[in-house]
Amino acid sequence: MIKVLVAEDMHIVRGALVALLGLEADIEVVAECASGEEILPLARSARPDIALIDIDLPGKDGLTAAAELHEQLPGVRTLILTSLGSPGTLRRALAAKVNGFLRKDAPADRLANAVRGVAAGRRVVDGDLALAAWDSEECPLSAREIEVLRLASVGSEPTEIAAELFLSAGTVRNYLTTIVSKLGARNRVDAVRIARESGWL
């Protein structure tokens, strides 16, 4: 029996996922939650084989939670569900060491097969997304630049970003100027848009 934890914040979607997996004779949903913060403690107590995680969870996002699981409970494999099918998002997921990556609009039987594949130790990735990621550009931003842009994307000012990252405000402004230049953006807002559409944020 493959034991699964389902993390999805939309109640109807989570209910549908639990019901679909419940139809499979070899799969049992042992825990479910609605936020990224709940995943690690719940996985510690329920000991699932697979964590099925929505990428867009409130608070701690799905990829951050998946990376934590990989680090602290390496026996729990992760399968990310997303409605954001961008190549950049897939690259971020693979960098977070997830075991599977599936679009939410995939056929129902593909979900169960993906769970089985990940449980068997295979890496399961949506085929169309894998091809798109193969052909897409690498993110030109460094990890630090992405960190700065992510904070800017939620409205933080350079002084706030500087305090958060233990940098000077001048250094943050330099980072923002470099980011805008690297992305060929008109300004900071445009840089955030480009990075989001590319799946880099």
Protein backbone atom coordinates (compact mmCIF):
# COMPACT_ATOMS: atom_id res chain seq x y z
CA MET A 1 0.00 0.00 0.00
CA ILE A 2 1.37 3.43 -1.01
CA LYS A 3 0.69 5.97 1.74
CA VAL A 4 0.07 9.54 0.51
CA LEU A 5 -0.09 12.97 2.16
CA VAL A 6 -2.12 15.52 0.13
CA ALA A 7 -1.31 19.23 0.54
CA GLU A 8 -3.72 21.49 -1.35
CA ASP A 9 -5.30 24.73 -0.07
CA MET A 10 -8.46 24.63 -2.21
CA HIS A 11 -10.88 22.41 -0.30
CA ILE A 12 -12.84 21.17 -3.33
CA VAL A 13 -9.66 20.30 -5.23
CA ARG A 14 -8.16 18.58 -2.19
CA GLY A 15 -11.38 16.60 -1.70
CA ALA A 16 -11.32 15.55 -5.35
CA LEU A 17 -7.67 14.44 -5.13
CA VAL A 18 -8.35 12.42 -1.97
CA ALA A 19 -11.44 10.82 -3.58
CA LEU A 20 -9.56 9.97 -6.80
CA LEU A 21 -6.67 8.37 -4.97
CA GLY A 22 -9.13 6.56 -2.69
CA LEU A 23 -10.46 4.67 -5.73
CA GLU A 24 -7.07 2.98 -6.19
CA ALA A 25 -6.64 -0.36 -4.43
CA ASP A 26 -2.93 0.18 -3.79
CA ILE A 27 -3.01 3.83 -2.62
CA GLU A 28 -4.14 5.20 0.75
CA VAL A 29 -4.35 8.87 1.72
CA VAL A 30 -3.05 8.99 5.31
CA ALA A 31 -3.01 12.79 5.84
CA GLU A 32 -4.16 16.02 4.24
CA CYS A 33 -3.50 19.71 4.86
CA ALA A 34 -4.06 23.16 3.38
CA SER A 35 -0.76 25.00 3.98
CA GLY A 36 2.97 24.57 3.47
CA GLU A 37 3.71 25.00 7.18
CA GLU A 38 1.68 21.89 8.04
CA ILE A 39 3.49 19.51 5.67
CA LEU A 40 6.66 18.68 7.61
CA PRO A 41 5.01 18.12 11.05
CA LEU A 42 2.23 16.09 9.40
CA ALA A 43 4.74 13.99 7.44
CA ARG A 44 6.66 13.31 10.67
CA SER A 45 3.53 11.93 12.36
CA ALA A 46 1.76 10.21 9.41
CA ARG A 47 4.95 8.82 7.74
CA PRO A 48 3.65 8.85 4.15
CA ASP A 49 5.61 7.35 1.25
CA ILE A 50 4.61 10.24 -1.04
CA ALA A 51 3.74 13.89 -0.39
CA LEU A 52 1.46 15.21 -3.15
CA ILE A 53 1.98 18.98 -2.91
CA ASP A 54 0.34 21.90 -4.70
CA ILE A 55 3.04 24.36 -5.78
CA ASP A 56 0.99 27.43 -4.76
CA LEU A 57 0.28 26.94 -1.07
CA PRO A 58 -0.34 29.89 1.25
CA GLY A 59 2.54 30.87 3.55
CA LYS A 60 5.31 28.43 2.74
CA ASP A 61 5.05 27.51 -0.95
CA GLY A 62 5.06 23.92 -2.19
CA LEU A 63 8.64 23.92 -3.50
CA THR A 64 10.05 25.25 -0.21
CA ALA A 65 8.09 22.57 1.68
CA ALA A 66 9.31 19.89 -0.76
CA ALA A 67 12.93 20.97 -0.30
CA GLU A 68 12.49 20.78 3.51
CA LEU A 69 11.03 17.28 3.22
CA HIS A 70 13.94 16.18 1.04
CA GLU A 71 16.40 17.50 3.62
CA GLN A 72 14.71 16.36 6.84
CA LEU A 73 12.67 13.30 5.80
CA PRO A 74 14.47 11.95 2.71
CA GLY A 75 12.36 8.78 2.80
CA VAL A 76 9.27 10.80 1.81
CA ARG A 77 9.17 11.31 -1.95
CA THR A 78 7.52 14.43 -3.38
CA LEU A 79 5.15 14.89 -6.31
CA ILE A 80 4.36 18.51 -7.18
CA LEU A 81 1.02 19.48 -8.73
CA THR A 82 0.82 22.76 -10.61
CA SER A 83 -1.43 24.82 -12.82
CA LEU A 84 1.68 26.87 -13.75
CA GLY A 85 3.20 24.90 -16.56
CA SER A 86 6.22 27.11 -17.27
CA PRO A 87 9.65 25.61 -17.97
CA GLY A 88 11.19 27.86 -15.31
CA THR A 89 8.82 26.48 -12.69
CA LEU A 90 9.85 22.95 -13.65
CA ARG A 91 13.53 23.90 -13.37
CA ARG A 92 12.89 25.29 -9.87
CA ALA A 93 11.07 22.09 -8.91
CA LEU A 94 13.92 19.89 -10.11
CA ALA A 95 16.40 22.10 -8.25
CA ALA A 96 14.31 21.51 -5.09
CA LYS A 97 14.91 17.75 -5.65
CA VAL A 98 11.25 16.85 -6.20
CA ASN A 99 10.59 13.36 -7.53
CA GLY A 100 7.65 14.24 -9.76
CA PHE A 101 6.01 17.21 -11.43
CA LEU A 102 2.49 17.02 -12.87
CA ARG A 103 0.01 19.55 -14.23
CA LYS A 104 -3.36 19.78 -12.50
CA ASP A 105 -5.18 19.36 -15.81
CA ALA A 106 -3.59 15.92 -16.40
CA PRO A 107 -6.05 13.01 -16.81
CA ALA A 108 -7.09 11.35 -13.53
CA ASP A 109 -5.40 8.03 -14.35
CA ARG A 110 -2.09 9.84 -14.89
CA LEU A 111 -2.18 11.05 -11.27
CA ALA A 112 -2.39 7.54 -9.83
CA ASN A 113 0.30 6.31 -12.24
CA ALA A 114 2.53 9.26 -11.28
CA VAL A 115 2.12 8.36 -7.58
CA ARG A 116 3.05 4.74 -8.38
CA GLY A 117 6.03 5.83 -10.48
CA VAL A 118 7.41 8.13 -7.79
CA ALA A 119 6.84 5.43 -5.14
CA ALA A 120 8.85 3.02 -7.31
CA GLY A 121 11.78 5.44 -7.31
CA ARG A 122 11.29 6.93 -10.77
CA ARG A 123 11.28 10.65 -11.55
CA VAL A 124 7.93 11.45 -13.14
CA VAL A 125 7.68 14.67 -15.16
CA ASP A 126 4.93 15.89 -17.48
CA GLY A 127 6.29 15.16 -20.98
CA ASP A 128 5.28 18.44 -22.64
CA LEU A 129 6.78 20.43 -19.78
CA ALA A 130 10.02 18.47 -19.93
CA LEU A 131 10.38 19.26 -23.64
CA ALA A 132 9.60 22.94 -23.06
CA ALA A 133 12.16 23.11 -20.24
CA TRP A 134 14.74 21.48 -22.50
CA ASP A 135 14.22 24.21 -25.11
CA SER A 136 13.87 27.15 -22.73
CA GLU A 137 16.45 29.65 -21.54
CA GLU A 138 18.22 29.26 -18.24
CA CYS A 139 17.46 31.96 -15.68
CA PRO A 140 20.12 34.68 -16.08
CA LEU A 141 19.77 35.79 -12.45
CA SER A 142 21.93 34.60 -9.57
CA ALA A 143 20.33 33.05 -6.46
CA ARG A 144 20.89 36.33 -4.57
CA GLU A 145 19.31 38.38 -7.38
CA ILE A 146 16.26 36.12 -7.35
CA GLU A 147 16.03 36.57 -3.58
CA VAL A 148 16.14 40.36 -3.97
CA LEU A 149 13.57 40.33 -6.78
CA ARG A 150 11.26 38.01 -4.83
CA LEU A 151 11.20 40.49 -1.92
CA ALA A 152 10.72 43.40 -4.33
CA SER A 153 7.82 41.53 -5.94
CA VAL A 154 5.81 41.68 -2.70
CA GLY A 155 6.34 45.43 -2.41
CA SER A 156 9.40 45.60 -0.16
CA GLU A 157 11.46 48.77 -0.54
CA PRO A 158 15.27 48.60 -0.95
CA THR A 159 15.81 49.53 2.72
CA GLU A 160 13.46 46.71 3.84
CA ILE A 161 15.13 44.21 1.49
CA ALA A 162 18.53 45.32 2.80
CA ALA A 163 17.46 44.71 6.41
CA GLU A 164 15.99 41.30 5.53
CA LEU A 165 19.09 40.11 3.66
CA PHE A 166 21.70 41.86 5.84
CA LEU A 167 22.91 44.05 2.95
CA SER A 168 23.28 47.80 2.54
CA ALA A 169 20.49 49.67 0.76
CA GLY A 170 23.02 50.73 -1.90
CA THR A 171 23.91 47.10 -2.61
CA VAL A 172 20.22 46.24 -2.98
CA ARG A 173 19.73 49.15 -5.42
CA ASN A 174 22.72 47.87 -7.42
CA TYR A 175 21.18 44.39 -7.49
CA LEU A 176 17.86 45.80 -8.70
CA THR A 177 19.59 47.79 -11.46
CA THR A 178 21.49 44.67 -12.56
CA ILE A 179 18.30 42.57 -12.52
CA VAL A 180 16.42 45.07 -14.70
CA SER A 181 19.36 45.15 -17.11
CA LYS A 182 19.81 41.34 -17.27
CA LEU A 183 16.12 40.78 -17.99
CA GLY A 184 15.91 43.60 -20.53
CA ALA A 185 13.08 45.06 -18.44
CA ARG A 186 11.80 48.64 -18.43
CA ASN A 187 11.76 48.86 -14.63
CA ARG A 188 11.48 46.80 -11.44
CA VAL A 189 7.77 46.00 -11.97
CA ASP A 190 8.49 44.81 -15.51
CA ALA A 191 11.38 42.68 -14.21
CA VAL A 192 9.02 40.99 -11.73
CA ARG A 193 6.52 40.32 -14.55
CA ILE A 194 9.20 38.81 -16.82
CA ALA A 195 10.59 36.63 -14.03
CA ARG A 196 7.11 35.41 -13.02
CA GLU A 197 6.07 34.59 -16.59
CA SER A 198 9.32 32.65 -17.05
CA GLY A 199 8.75 30.71 -13.82
CA TRP A 200 11.91 32.05 -12.20
CA LEU A 201 10.11 33.54 -9.16
